[in-house]
Amino acid sequence: MFFFDSYALFEAVIGNESYQKYFNGKVICTILNLFELHQALLREFNKKTADYWINNFDYVLLDITEKNIIEASDFRYKNRDKKLSSIDCIGYIVAKNNNLKFLTGDEGFKNIENVEFVK
C-alpha cells in the first residue's frame, strides 16, 4: 500500500497516467496533504474544483504524532541539502511508521529508502 504525498495526489487528480495504477480504492495521506492539494487545485483551477476533490476522495487520514514530528524534523535536517518541504518530511515519516511506501514525484526523494518515485 502507498501513502500519497501532495504531489502524487495532484497528479492523480489531473489524470497523470503514471499515477493511475496507484489510484485505486482509498487514498492514504494526512490532513496536511489535503491542505496542499486544495491549495494546488485553487491555484491551477478554481475553488469549485478544489472543493470537489477534497469532498469526494475516499481518504484514510493518518494521525500525526509528536514522535512523527521529531523524526520528520531530524530527517529534514539530515537531508537539508535536498530542500525537502516540512509537510513532505512529515508524510514520509508517517508513511514509514505505518509500513507504507511514500509515493511521490518530488526529485528530492529520489533514491531514498521506502520511496516509490514516479514522474
PDB file of N, CA and C in Angstrom:
ATOM      1  N   MET A   1       0.840  -1.180   0.000  1.00  0.00           N
ATOM      2  CA  MET A   1       0.000   0.000   0.000  1.00  0.00           C
ATOM      3  C   MET A   1       0.885   1.243   0.000  1.00  0.00           C
ATOM      4  N   PHE A   2       0.273   2.351  -0.427  1.00  0.00           N
ATOM      5  CA  PHE A   2       1.031   3.582  -0.624  1.00  0.00           C
ATOM      6  C   PHE A   2       0.439   4.752   0.146  1.00  0.00           C
ATOM      7  N   PHE A   3       1.333   5.612   0.601  1.00  0.00           N
ATOM      8  CA  PHE A   3       0.982   6.895   1.180  1.00  0.00           C
ATOM      9  C   PHE A   3       1.172   7.920   0.068  1.00  0.00           C
ATOM     10  N   PHE A   4       0.126   8.662  -0.256  1.00  0.00           N
ATOM     11  CA  PHE A   4       0.183   9.675  -1.321  1.00  0.00           C
ATOM     12  C   PHE A   4       0.663  10.999  -0.750  1.00  0.00           C
ATOM     13  N   ASP A   5       1.800  11.491  -1.240  1.00  0.00           N
ATOM     14  CA  ASP A   5       2.159  12.858  -0.871  1.00  0.00           C
ATOM     15  C   ASP A   5       1.316  13.811  -1.712  1.00  0.00           C
ATOM     16  N   SER A   6       1.424  15.084  -1.460  1.00  0.00           N
ATOM     17  CA  SER A   6       0.586  16.077  -2.145  1.00  0.00           C
ATOM     18  C   SER A   6       0.818  16.064  -3.648  1.00  0.00           C
ATOM     19  N   TYR A   7       2.055  15.880  -4.054  1.00  0.00           N
ATOM     20  CA  TYR A   7       2.390  15.809  -5.486  1.00  0.00           C
ATOM     21  C   TYR A   7       1.642  14.645  -6.129  1.00  0.00           C
ATOM     22  N   ALA A   8       1.693  13.487  -5.487  1.00  0.00           N
ATOM     23  CA  ALA A   8       1.020  12.300  -6.021  1.00  0.00           C
ATOM     24  C   ALA A   8      -0.496  12.496  -6.073  1.00  0.00           C
ATOM     25  N   LEU A   9      -1.057  13.119  -5.053  1.00  0.00           N
ATOM     26  CA  LEU A   9      -2.495  13.402  -5.056  1.00  0.00           C
ATOM     27  C   LEU A   9      -2.873  14.279  -6.245  1.00  0.00           C
ATOM     28  N   PHE A  10      -2.110  15.340  -6.439  1.00  0.00           N
ATOM     29  CA  PHE A  10      -2.392  16.271  -7.532  1.00  0.00           C
ATOM     30  C   PHE A  10      -2.279  15.572  -8.883  1.00  0.00           C
ATOM     31  N   GLU A  11      -1.233  14.803  -9.072  1.00  0.00           N
ATOM     32  CA  GLU A  11      -1.035  14.104 -10.345  1.00  0.00           C
ATOM     33  C   GLU A  11      -2.155  13.096 -10.602  1.00  0.00           C
ATOM     34  N   ALA A  12      -2.625  12.440  -9.562  1.00  0.00           N
ATOM     35  CA  ALA A  12      -3.740  11.507  -9.712  1.00  0.00           C
ATOM     36  C   ALA A  12      -5.007  12.247 -10.129  1.00  0.00           C
ATOM     37  N   VAL A  13      -5.261  13.391  -9.502  1.00  0.00           N
ATOM     38  CA  VAL A  13      -6.454  14.183  -9.815  1.00  0.00           C
ATOM     39  C   VAL A  13      -6.435  14.674 -11.255  1.00  0.00           C
ATOM     40  N   ILE A  14      -5.293  15.131 -11.727  1.00  0.00           N
ATOM     41  CA  ILE A  14      -5.256  15.684 -13.093  1.00  0.00           C
ATOM     42  C   ILE A  14      -5.132  14.597 -14.160  1.00  0.00           C
ATOM     43  N   GLY A  15      -5.055  13.341 -13.712  1.00  0.00           N
ATOM     44  CA  GLY A  15      -5.081  12.236 -14.662  1.00  0.00           C
ATOM     45  C   GLY A  15      -3.750  11.810 -15.230  1.00  0.00           C
ATOM     46  N   ASN A  16      -2.658  12.106 -14.550  1.00  0.00           N
ATOM     47  CA  ASN A  16      -1.341  11.650 -14.996  1.00  0.00           C
ATOM     48  C   ASN A  16      -1.360  10.126 -15.058  1.00  0.00           C
ATOM     49  N   GLU A  17      -1.168   9.585 -16.253  1.00  0.00           N
ATOM     50  CA  GLU A  17      -1.230   8.133 -16.474  1.00  0.00           C
ATOM     51  C   GLU A  17      -0.270   7.361 -15.571  1.00  0.00           C
ATOM     52  N   SER A  18       0.866   7.941 -15.256  1.00  0.00           N
ATOM     53  CA  SER A  18       1.855   7.260 -14.421  1.00  0.00           C
ATOM     54  C   SER A  18       1.333   6.978 -13.014  1.00  0.00           C
ATOM     55  N   TYR A  19       0.348   7.744 -12.583  1.00  0.00           N
ATOM     56  CA  TYR A  19      -0.192   7.590 -11.227  1.00  0.00           C
ATOM     57  C   TYR A  19      -1.475   6.770 -11.180  1.00  0.00           C
ATOM     58  N   GLN A  20      -2.062   6.462 -12.311  1.00  0.00           N
ATOM     59  CA  GLN A  20      -3.352   5.789 -12.325  1.00  0.00           C
ATOM     60  C   GLN A  20      -3.313   4.403 -11.687  1.00  0.00           C
ATOM     61  N   LYS A  21      -2.218   3.671 -11.839  1.00  0.00           N
ATOM     62  CA  LYS A  21      -2.158   2.332 -11.244  1.00  0.00           C
ATOM     63  C   LYS A  21      -2.121   2.374  -9.716  1.00  0.00           C
ATOM     64  N   TYR A  22      -1.747   3.501  -9.143  1.00  0.00           N
ATOM     65  CA  TYR A  22      -1.716   3.658  -7.687  1.00  0.00           C
ATOM     66  C   TYR A  22      -3.047   4.193  -7.148  1.00  0.00           C
ATOM     67  N   PHE A  23      -3.839   4.730  -8.045  1.00  0.00           N
ATOM     68  CA  PHE A  23      -5.043   5.472  -7.685  1.00  0.00           C
ATOM     69  C   PHE A  23      -6.272   4.564  -7.791  1.00  0.00           C
ATOM     70  N   ASN A  24      -6.313   3.557  -6.921  1.00  0.00           N
ATOM     71  CA  ASN A  24      -7.487   2.682  -6.886  1.00  0.00           C
ATOM     72  C   ASN A  24      -7.852   2.431  -5.427  1.00  0.00           C
ATOM     73  N   GLY A  25      -9.103   2.559  -5.148  1.00  0.00           N
ATOM     74  CA  GLY A  25      -9.517   2.388  -3.761  1.00  0.00           C
ATOM     75  C   GLY A  25      -9.265   3.624  -2.930  1.00  0.00           C
ATOM     76  N   LYS A  26      -8.868   3.401  -1.712  1.00  0.00           N
ATOM     77  CA  LYS A  26      -8.672   4.506  -0.784  1.00  0.00           C
ATOM     78  C   LYS A  26      -7.321   5.183  -0.976  1.00  0.00           C
ATOM     79  N   VAL A  27      -7.311   6.472  -0.719  1.00  0.00           N
ATOM     80  CA  VAL A  27      -6.084   7.266  -0.745  1.00  0.00           C
ATOM     81  C   VAL A  27      -5.648   7.473   0.703  1.00  0.00           C
ATOM     82  N   ILE A  28      -4.400   7.132   0.991  1.00  0.00           N
ATOM     83  CA  ILE A  28      -3.872   7.278   2.346  1.00  0.00           C
ATOM     84  C   ILE A  28      -2.933   8.477   2.377  1.00  0.00           C
ATOM     85  N   CYS A  29      -3.188   9.397   3.327  1.00  0.00           N
ATOM     86  CA  CYS A  29      -2.372  10.598   3.477  1.00  0.00           C
ATOM     87  C   CYS A  29      -2.654  11.218   4.841  1.00  0.00           C
ATOM     88  N   THR A  30      -2.182  12.435   5.057  1.00  0.00           N
ATOM     89  CA  THR A  30      -2.517  13.187   6.278  1.00  0.00           C
ATOM     90  C   THR A  30      -3.363  14.395   5.891  1.00  0.00           C
ATOM     91  N   ILE A  31      -3.927  15.025   6.862  1.00  0.00           N
ATOM     92  CA  ILE A  31      -4.723  16.229   6.646  1.00  0.00           C
ATOM     93  C   ILE A  31      -3.880  17.336   6.008  1.00  0.00           C
ATOM     94  N   LEU A  32      -2.580  17.345   6.282  1.00  0.00           N
ATOM     95  CA  LEU A  32      -1.693  18.354   5.698  1.00  0.00           C
ATOM     96  C   LEU A  32      -1.593  18.193   4.186  1.00  0.00           C
ATOM     97  N   ASN A  33      -1.633  16.944   3.704  1.00  0.00           N
ATOM     98  CA  ASN A  33      -1.597  16.707   2.262  1.00  0.00           C
ATOM     99  C   ASN A  33      -2.876  17.204   1.600  1.00  0.00           C
ATOM    100  N   LEU A  34      -3.994  17.079   2.293  1.00  0.00           N
ATOM    101  CA  LEU A  34      -5.249  17.615   1.751  1.00  0.00           C
ATOM    102  C   LEU A  34      -5.175  19.126   1.632  1.00  0.00           C
ATOM    103  N   PHE A  35      -4.570  19.763   2.614  1.00  0.00           N
ATOM    104  CA  PHE A  35      -4.393  21.213   2.557  1.00  0.00           C
ATOM    105  C   PHE A  35      -3.580  21.598   1.323  1.00  0.00           C
ATOM    106  N   GLU A  36      -2.444  20.914   1.115  1.00  0.00           N
ATOM    107  CA  GLU A  36      -1.605  21.240  -0.039  1.00  0.00           C
ATOM    108  C   GLU A  36      -2.314  20.932  -1.355  1.00  0.00           C
ATOM    109  N   LEU A  37      -3.064  19.843  -1.400  1.00  0.00           N
ATOM    110  CA  LEU A  37      -3.822  19.521  -2.610  1.00  0.00           C
ATOM    111  C   LEU A  37      -4.838  20.619  -2.900  1.00  0.00           C
ATOM    112  N   HIS A  38      -5.569  21.040  -1.897  1.00  0.00           N
ATOM    113  CA  HIS A  38      -6.569  22.094  -2.080  1.00  0.00           C
ATOM    114  C   HIS A  38      -5.910  23.365  -2.603  1.00  0.00           C
ATOM    115  N   GLN A  39      -4.756  23.724  -2.028  1.00  0.00           N
ATOM    116  CA  GLN A  39      -4.033  24.916  -2.475  1.00  0.00           C
ATOM    117  C   GLN A  39      -3.620  24.805  -3.940  1.00  0.00           C
ATOM    118  N   ALA A  40      -3.096  23.647  -4.331  1.00  0.00           N
ATOM    119  CA  ALA A  40      -2.654  23.443  -5.719  1.00  0.00           C
ATOM    120  C   ALA A  40      -3.837  23.503  -6.681  1.00  0.00           C
ATOM    121  N   LEU A  41      -4.955  22.924  -6.291  1.00  0.00           N
ATOM    122  CA  LEU A  41      -6.133  22.940  -7.159  1.00  0.00           C
ATOM    123  C   LEU A  41      -6.732  24.342  -7.273  1.00  0.00           C
ATOM    124  N   LEU A  42      -6.698  25.096  -6.183  1.00  0.00           N
ATOM    125  CA  LEU A  42      -7.141  26.500  -6.240  1.00  0.00           C
ATOM    126  C   LEU A  42      -6.266  27.285  -7.214  1.00  0.00           C
ATOM    127  N   ARG A  43      -4.965  27.080  -7.123  1.00  0.00           N
ATOM    128  CA  ARG A  43      -4.005  27.796  -7.960  1.00  0.00           C
ATOM    129  C   ARG A  43      -4.158  27.422  -9.436  1.00  0.00           C
ATOM    130  N   GLU A  44      -4.333  26.134  -9.719  1.00  0.00           N
ATOM    131  CA  GLU A  44      -4.377  25.661 -11.101  1.00  0.00           C
ATOM    132  C   GLU A  44      -5.769  25.691 -11.726  1.00  0.00           C
ATOM    133  N   PHE A  45      -6.799  25.575 -10.901  1.00  0.00           N
ATOM    134  CA  PHE A  45      -8.169  25.518 -11.430  1.00  0.00           C
ATOM    135  C   PHE A  45      -9.041  26.577 -10.774  1.00  0.00           C
ATOM    136  N   ASN A  46      -9.846  26.179  -9.797  1.00  0.00           N
ATOM    137  CA  ASN A  46     -10.737  27.117  -9.115  1.00  0.00           C
ATOM    138  C   ASN A  46     -11.255  26.495  -7.827  1.00  0.00           C
ATOM    139  N   LYS A  47     -11.996  27.276  -7.052  1.00  0.00           N
ATOM    140  CA  LYS A  47     -12.495  26.809  -5.759  1.00  0.00           C
ATOM    141  C   LYS A  47     -13.443  25.628  -5.913  1.00  0.00           C
ATOM    142  N   LYS A  48     -14.310  25.669  -6.909  1.00  0.00           N
ATOM    143  CA  LYS A  48     -15.267  24.583  -7.108  1.00  0.00           C
ATOM    144  C   LYS A  48     -14.539  23.250  -7.329  1.00  0.00           C
ATOM    145  N   THR A  49     -13.518  23.255  -8.165  1.00  0.00           N
ATOM    146  CA  THR A  49     -12.744  22.044  -8.438  1.00  0.00           C
ATOM    147  C   THR A  49     -12.002  21.587  -7.186  1.00  0.00           C
ATOM    148  N   ALA A  50     -11.368  22.528  -6.492  1.00  0.00           N
ATOM    149  CA  ALA A  50     -10.622  22.194  -5.277  1.00  0.00           C
ATOM    150  C   ALA A  50     -11.543  21.581  -4.226  1.00  0.00           C
ATOM    151  N   ASP A  51     -12.681  22.206  -3.993  1.00  0.00           N
ATOM    152  CA  ASP A  51     -13.639  21.688  -3.009  1.00  0.00           C
ATOM    153  C   ASP A  51     -14.171  20.321  -3.422  1.00  0.00           C
ATOM    154  N   TYR A  52     -14.437  20.149  -4.703  1.00  0.00           N
ATOM    155  CA  TYR A  52     -14.964  18.874  -5.195  1.00  0.00           C
ATOM    156  C   TYR A  52     -14.014  17.726  -4.836  1.00  0.00           C
ATOM    157  N   TRP A  53     -12.736  17.889  -5.139  1.00  0.00           N
ATOM    158  CA  TRP A  53     -11.804  16.800  -4.902  1.00  0.00           C
ATOM    159  C   TRP A  53     -11.575  16.533  -3.425  1.00  0.00           C
ATOM    160  N   ILE A  54     -11.565  17.565  -2.618  1.00  0.00           N
ATOM    161  CA  ILE A  54     -11.402  17.356  -1.176  1.00  0.00           C
ATOM    162  C   ILE A  54     -12.614  16.616  -0.622  1.00  0.00           C
ATOM    163  N   ASN A  55     -13.789  16.946  -1.117  1.00  0.00           N
ATOM    164  CA  ASN A  55     -15.017  16.327  -0.604  1.00  0.00           C
ATOM    165  C   ASN A  55     -15.329  14.965  -1.202  1.00  0.00           C
ATOM    166  N   ASN A  56     -14.693  14.592  -2.312  1.00  0.00           N
ATOM    167  CA  ASN A  56     -15.074  13.360  -2.994  1.00  0.00           C
ATOM    168  C   ASN A  56     -14.008  12.282  -3.089  1.00  0.00           C
ATOM    169  N   PHE A  57     -12.840  12.512  -2.535  1.00  0.00           N
ATOM    170  CA  PHE A  57     -11.841  11.442  -2.447  1.00  0.00           C
ATOM    171  C   PHE A  57     -12.272  10.480  -1.348  1.00  0.00           C
ATOM    172  N   ASP A  58     -11.896   9.236  -1.476  1.00  0.00           N
ATOM    173  CA  ASP A  58     -12.099   8.263  -0.408  1.00  0.00           C
ATOM    174  C   ASP A  58     -10.777   8.186   0.352  1.00  0.00           C
ATOM    175  N   TYR A  59     -10.651   8.984   1.410  1.00  0.00           N
ATOM    176  CA  TYR A  59      -9.405   9.126   2.145  1.00  0.00           C
ATOM    177  C   TYR A  59      -9.334   8.238   3.368  1.00  0.00           C
ATOM    178  N   VAL A  60      -8.126   7.841   3.687  1.00  0.00           N
ATOM    179  CA  VAL A  60      -7.789   7.346   5.012  1.00  0.00           C
ATOM    180  C   VAL A  60      -6.760   8.344   5.510  1.00  0.00           C
ATOM    181  N   LEU A  61      -7.141   9.120   6.506  1.00  0.00           N
ATOM    182  CA  LEU A  61      -6.243  10.146   7.042  1.00  0.00           C
ATOM    183  C   LEU A  61      -5.518   9.599   8.262  1.00  0.00           C
ATOM    184  N   LEU A  62      -4.205   9.557   8.172  1.00  0.00           N
ATOM    185  CA  LEU A  62      -3.390   9.072   9.276  1.00  0.00           C
ATOM    186  C   LEU A  62      -3.062  10.221  10.223  1.00  0.00           C
ATOM    187  N   ASP A  63      -3.016   9.897  11.502  1.00  0.00           N
ATOM    188  CA  ASP A  63      -2.690  10.893  12.513  1.00  0.00           C
ATOM    189  C   ASP A  63      -1.201  11.219  12.493  1.00  0.00           C
ATOM    190  N   ILE A  64      -0.909  12.416  12.909  1.00  0.00           N
ATOM    191  CA  ILE A  64       0.472  12.870  13.053  1.00  0.00           C
ATOM    192  C   ILE A  64       0.745  12.978  14.546  1.00  0.00           C
ATOM    193  N   THR A  65       1.740  12.257  15.019  1.00  0.00           N
ATOM    194  CA  THR A  65       2.065  12.263  16.443  1.00  0.00           C
ATOM    195  C   THR A  65       3.270  13.161  16.723  1.00  0.00           C
ATOM    196  N   GLU A  66       3.493  13.414  18.003  1.00  0.00           N
ATOM    197  CA  GLU A  66       4.672  14.174  18.406  1.00  0.00           C
ATOM    198  C   GLU A  66       5.941  13.440  17.968  1.00  0.00           C
ATOM    199  N   LYS A  67       5.938  12.120  18.082  1.00  0.00           N
ATOM    200  CA  LYS A  67       7.077  11.300  17.662  1.00  0.00           C
ATOM    201  C   LYS A  67       7.341  11.502  16.164  1.00  0.00           C
ATOM    202  N   ASN A  68       6.261  11.532  15.366  1.00  0.00           N
ATOM    203  CA  ASN A  68       6.406  11.769  13.925  1.00  0.00           C
ATOM    204  C   ASN A  68       7.063  13.118  13.662  1.00  0.00           C
ATOM    205  N   ILE A  69       6.663  14.129  14.413  1.00  0.00           N
ATOM    206  CA  ILE A  69       7.196  15.480  14.223  1.00  0.00           C
ATOM    207  C   ILE A  69       8.701  15.504  14.495  1.00  0.00           C
ATOM    208  N   ILE A  70       9.117  14.869  15.568  1.00  0.00           N
ATOM    209  CA  ILE A  70      10.539  14.839  15.917  1.00  0.00           C
ATOM    210  C   ILE A  70      11.331  14.083  14.854  1.00  0.00           C
ATOM    211  N   GLU A  71      10.832  12.918  14.445  1.00  0.00           N
ATOM    212  CA  GLU A  71      11.527  12.131  13.420  1.00  0.00           C
ATOM    213  C   GLU A  71      11.585  12.883  12.090  1.00  0.00           C
ATOM    214  N   ALA A  72      10.490  13.537  11.731  1.00  0.00           N
ATOM    215  CA  ALA A  72      10.450  14.286  10.473  1.00  0.00           C
ATOM    216  C   ALA A  72      11.410  15.464  10.497  1.00  0.00           C
ATOM    217  N   SER A  73      11.483  16.123  11.627  1.00  0.00           N
ATOM    218  CA  SER A  73      12.410  17.245  11.763  1.00  0.00           C
ATOM    219  C   SER A  73      13.854  16.766  11.633  1.00  0.00           C
ATOM    220  N   ASP A  74      14.168  15.655  12.297  1.00  0.00           N
ATOM    221  CA  ASP A  74      15.518  15.075  12.185  1.00  0.00           C
ATOM    222  C   ASP A  74      15.810  14.668  10.739  1.00  0.00           C
ATOM    223  N   PHE A  75      14.844  14.023  10.085  1.00  0.00           N
ATOM    224  CA  PHE A  75      15.010  13.580   8.696  1.00  0.00           C
ATOM    225  C   PHE A  75      15.241  14.779   7.774  1.00  0.00           C
ATOM    226  N   ARG A  76      14.448  15.834   7.971  1.00  0.00           N
ATOM    227  CA  ARG A  76      14.603  17.028   7.129  1.00  0.00           C
ATOM    228  C   ARG A  76      15.973  17.668   7.342  1.00  0.00           C
ATOM    229  N   TYR A  77      16.392  17.731   8.596  1.00  0.00           N
ATOM    230  CA  TYR A  77      17.692  18.325   8.897  1.00  0.00           C
ATOM    231  C   TYR A  77      18.824  17.516   8.262  1.00  0.00           C
ATOM    232  N   LYS A  78      18.759  16.190   8.378  1.00  0.00           N
ATOM    233  CA  LYS A  78      19.806  15.326   7.796  1.00  0.00           C
ATOM    234  C   LYS A  78      19.842  15.424   6.272  1.00  0.00           C
ATOM    235  N   ASN A  79      18.705  15.789   5.666  1.00  0.00           N
ATOM    236  CA  ASN A  79      18.600  15.886   4.209  1.00  0.00           C
ATOM    237  C   ASN A  79      18.419  17.329   3.755  1.00  0.00           C
ATOM    238  N   ARG A  80      18.933  18.269   4.526  1.00  0.00           N
ATOM    239  CA  ARG A  80      18.708  19.691   4.241  1.00  0.00           C
ATOM    240  C   ARG A  80      19.226  20.117   2.874  1.00  0.00           C
ATOM    241  N   ASP A  81      20.205  19.415   2.356  1.00  0.00           N
ATOM    242  CA  ASP A  81      20.735  19.756   1.033  1.00  0.00           C
ATOM    243  C   ASP A  81      19.714  19.482  -0.079  1.00  0.00           C
ATOM    244  N   LYS A  82      18.694  18.654   0.199  1.00  0.00           N
ATOM    245  CA  LYS A  82      17.675  18.318  -0.803  1.00  0.00           C
ATOM    246  C   LYS A  82      16.501  19.303  -0.802  1.00  0.00           C
ATOM    247  N   LYS A  83      16.469  20.186   0.204  1.00  0.00           N
ATOM    248  CA  LYS A  83      15.420  21.212   0.312  1.00  0.00           C
ATOM    249  C   LYS A  83      14.012  20.601   0.291  1.00  0.00           C
ATOM    250  N   LEU A  84      13.816  19.576   1.126  1.00  0.00           N
ATOM    251  CA  LEU A  84      12.519  18.905   1.232  1.00  0.00           C
ATOM    252  C   LEU A  84      11.553  19.759   2.045  1.00  0.00           C
ATOM    253  N   SER A  85      10.282  19.732   1.678  1.00  0.00           N
ATOM    254  CA  SER A  85       9.298  20.511   2.424  1.00  0.00           C
ATOM    255  C   SER A  85       8.998  19.843   3.765  1.00  0.00           C
ATOM    256  N   SER A  86       8.593  20.622   4.723  1.00  0.00           N
ATOM    257  CA  SER A  86       8.243  20.099   6.046  1.00  0.00           C
ATOM    258  C   SER A  86       7.095  19.092   5.951  1.00  0.00           C
ATOM    259  N   ILE A  87       6.069  19.437   5.185  1.00  0.00           N
ATOM    260  CA  ILE A  87       4.907  18.552   5.054  1.00  0.00           C
ATOM    261  C   ILE A  87       5.307  17.232   4.407  1.00  0.00           C
ATOM    262  N   ASP A  88       6.172  17.264   3.407  1.00  0.00           N
ATOM    263  CA  ASP A  88       6.636  16.022   2.784  1.00  0.00           C
ATOM    264  C   ASP A  88       7.446  15.176   3.759  1.00  0.00           C
ATOM    265  N   CYS A  89       8.259  15.803   4.564  1.00  0.00           N
ATOM    266  CA  CYS A  89       9.047  15.055   5.550  1.00  0.00           C
ATOM    267  C   CYS A  89       8.139  14.404   6.593  1.00  0.00           C
ATOM    268  N   ILE A  90       7.118  15.120   7.023  1.00  0.00           N
ATOM    269  CA  ILE A  90       6.150  14.541   7.959  1.00  0.00           C
ATOM    270  C   ILE A  90       5.450  13.358   7.297  1.00  0.00           C
ATOM    271  N   GLY A  91       5.010  13.537   6.065  1.00  0.00           N
ATOM    272  CA  GLY A  91       4.341  12.453   5.347  1.00  0.00           C
ATOM    273  C   GLY A  91       5.236  11.239   5.175  1.00  0.00           C
ATOM    274  N   TYR A  92       6.487  11.473   4.843  1.00  0.00           N
ATOM    275  CA  TYR A  92       7.435  10.378   4.665  1.00  0.00           C
ATOM    276  C   TYR A  92       7.562   9.561   5.950  1.00  0.00           C
ATOM    277  N   ILE A  93       7.707  10.237   7.070  1.00  0.00           N
ATOM    278  CA  ILE A  93       7.858   9.547   8.357  1.00  0.00           C
ATOM    279  C   ILE A  93       6.563   8.838   8.751  1.00  0.00           C
ATOM    280  N   VAL A  94       5.425   9.482   8.548  1.00  0.00           N
ATOM    281  CA  VAL A  94       4.141   8.839   8.848  1.00  0.00           C
ATOM    282  C   VAL A  94       3.988   7.577   8.001  1.00  0.00           C
ATOM    283  N   ALA A  95       4.338   7.673   6.723  1.00  0.00           N
ATOM    284  CA  ALA A  95       4.258   6.507   5.837  1.00  0.00           C
ATOM    285  C   ALA A  95       5.158   5.389   6.349  1.00  0.00           C
ATOM    286  N   LYS A  96       6.398   5.725   6.619  1.00  0.00           N
ATOM    287  CA  LYS A  96       7.377   4.737   7.071  1.00  0.00           C
ATOM    288  C   LYS A  96       6.918   4.054   8.360  1.00  0.00           C
ATOM    289  N   ASN A  97       6.409   4.844   9.304  1.00  0.00           N
ATOM    290  CA  ASN A  97       5.976   4.307  10.593  1.00  0.00           C
ATOM    291  C   ASN A  97       4.687   3.486  10.490  1.00  0.00           C
ATOM    292  N   ASN A  98       4.001   3.587   9.350  1.00  0.00           N
ATOM    293  CA  ASN A  98       2.785   2.803   9.128  1.00  0.00           C
ATOM    294  C   ASN A  98       2.993   1.723   8.071  1.00  0.00           C
ATOM    295  N   ASN A  99       4.270   1.422   7.795  1.00  0.00           N
ATOM    296  CA  ASN A  99       4.631   0.377   6.829  1.00  0.00           C
ATOM    297  C   ASN A  99       4.019   0.597   5.453  1.00  0.00           C
ATOM    298  N   LEU A 100       4.036   1.858   5.007  1.00  0.00           N
ATOM    299  CA  LEU A 100       3.540   2.236   3.691  1.00  0.00           C
ATOM    300  C   LEU A 100       4.689   2.805   2.871  1.00  0.00           C
ATOM    301  N   LYS A 101       4.653   2.586   1.582  1.00  0.00           N
ATOM    302  CA  LYS A 101       5.617   3.230   0.683  1.00  0.00           C
ATOM    303  C   LYS A 101       5.167   4.664   0.459  1.00  0.00           C
ATOM    304  N   PHE A 102       6.106   5.581   0.422  1.00  0.00           N
ATOM    305  CA  PHE A 102       5.840   7.003   0.208  1.00  0.00           C
ATOM    306  C   PHE A 102       5.839   7.258  -1.293  1.00  0.00           C
ATOM    307  N   LEU A 103       4.681   7.561  -1.856  1.00  0.00           N
ATOM    308  CA  LEU A 103       4.514   7.787  -3.288  1.00  0.00           C
ATOM    309  C   LEU A 103       4.681   9.269  -3.602  1.00  0.00           C
ATOM    310  N   THR A 104       5.645   9.583  -4.468  1.00  0.00           N
ATOM    311  CA  THR A 104       5.942  10.981  -4.783  1.00  0.00           C
ATOM    312  C   THR A 104       6.620  11.113  -6.141  1.00  0.00           C
ATOM    313  N   GLY A 105       6.586  12.314  -6.657  1.00  0.00           N
ATOM    314  CA  GLY A 105       7.345  12.663  -7.849  1.00  0.00           C
ATOM    315  C   GLY A 105       8.353  13.747  -7.525  1.00  0.00           C
ATOM    316  N   ASP A 106       8.505  14.049  -6.247  1.00  0.00           N
ATOM    317  CA  ASP A 106       9.443  15.068  -5.784  1.00  0.00           C
ATOM    318  C   ASP A 106      10.869  14.548  -5.950  1.00  0.00           C
ATOM    319  N   GLU A 107      11.654  15.229  -6.778  1.00  0.00           N
ATOM    320  CA  GLU A 107      13.032  14.826  -7.078  1.00  0.00           C
ATOM    321  C   GLU A 107      13.894  14.667  -5.824  1.00  0.00           C
ATOM    322  N   GLY A 108      13.597  15.433  -4.793  1.00  0.00           N
ATOM    323  CA  GLY A 108      14.371  15.352  -3.563  1.00  0.00           C
ATOM    324  C   GLY A 108      14.290  13.989  -2.888  1.00  0.00           C
ATOM    325  N   PHE A 109      13.228  13.250  -3.159  1.00  0.00           N
ATOM    326  CA  PHE A 109      13.043  11.936  -2.546  1.00  0.00           C
ATOM    327  C   PHE A 109      13.547  10.795  -3.420  1.00  0.00           C
ATOM    328  N   LYS A 110      14.010  11.120  -4.601  1.00  0.00           N
ATOM    329  CA  LYS A 110      14.521  10.081  -5.494  1.00  0.00           C
ATOM    330  C   LYS A 110      15.679   9.359  -4.815  1.00  0.00           C
ATOM    331  N   ASN A 111      15.659   8.045  -4.877  1.00  0.00           N
ATOM    332  CA  ASN A 111      16.708   7.187  -4.307  1.00  0.00           C
ATOM    333  C   ASN A 111      16.757   7.171  -2.783  1.00  0.00           C
ATOM    334  N   ILE A 112      15.673   7.562  -2.128  1.00  0.00           N
ATOM    335  CA  ILE A 112      15.587   7.444  -0.676  1.00  0.00           C
ATOM    336  C   ILE A 112      14.817   6.160  -0.368  1.00  0.00           C
ATOM    337  N   GLU A 113      15.266   5.458   0.652  1.00  0.00           N
ATOM    338  CA  GLU A 113      14.634   4.219   1.082  1.00  0.00           C
ATOM    339  C   GLU A 113      13.141   4.432   1.366  1.00  0.00           C
ATOM    340  N   ASN A 114      12.327   3.452   1.018  1.00  0.00           N
ATOM    341  CA  ASN A 114      10.889   3.428   1.274  1.00  0.00           C
ATOM    342  C   ASN A 114      10.116   4.448   0.424  1.00  0.00           C
ATOM    343  N   VAL A 115      10.673   4.822  -0.722  1.00  0.00           N
ATOM    344  CA  VAL A 115      10.011   5.786  -1.613  1.00  0.00           C
ATOM    345  C   VAL A 115       9.715   5.128  -2.941  1.00  0.00           C
ATOM    346  N   GLU A 116       8.500   5.345  -3.438  1.00  0.00           N
ATOM    347  CA  GLU A 116       8.128   4.967  -4.792  1.00  0.00           C
ATOM    348  C   GLU A 116       8.122   6.270  -5.585  1.00  0.00           C
ATOM    349  N   PHE A 117       9.179   6.477  -6.367  1.00  0.00           N
ATOM    350  CA  PHE A 117       9.340   7.718  -7.117  1.00  0.00           C
ATOM    351  C   PHE A 117       8.729   7.531  -8.514  1.00  0.00           C
ATOM    352  N   VAL A 118       7.770   8.403  -8.848  1.00  0.00           N
ATOM    353  CA  VAL A 118       7.077   8.316 -10.128  1.00  0.00           C
ATOM    354  C   VAL A 118       6.956   9.710 -10.717  1.00  0.00           C
ATOM    355  N   LYS A 119       7.274   9.844 -11.967  1.00  0.00           N
ATOM    356  CA  LYS A 119       7.097  11.137 -12.668  1.00  0.00           C
ATOM    357  C   LYS A 119       5.957  11.034 -13.640  1.00  0.00           C
TER     358      LYS A 119
END
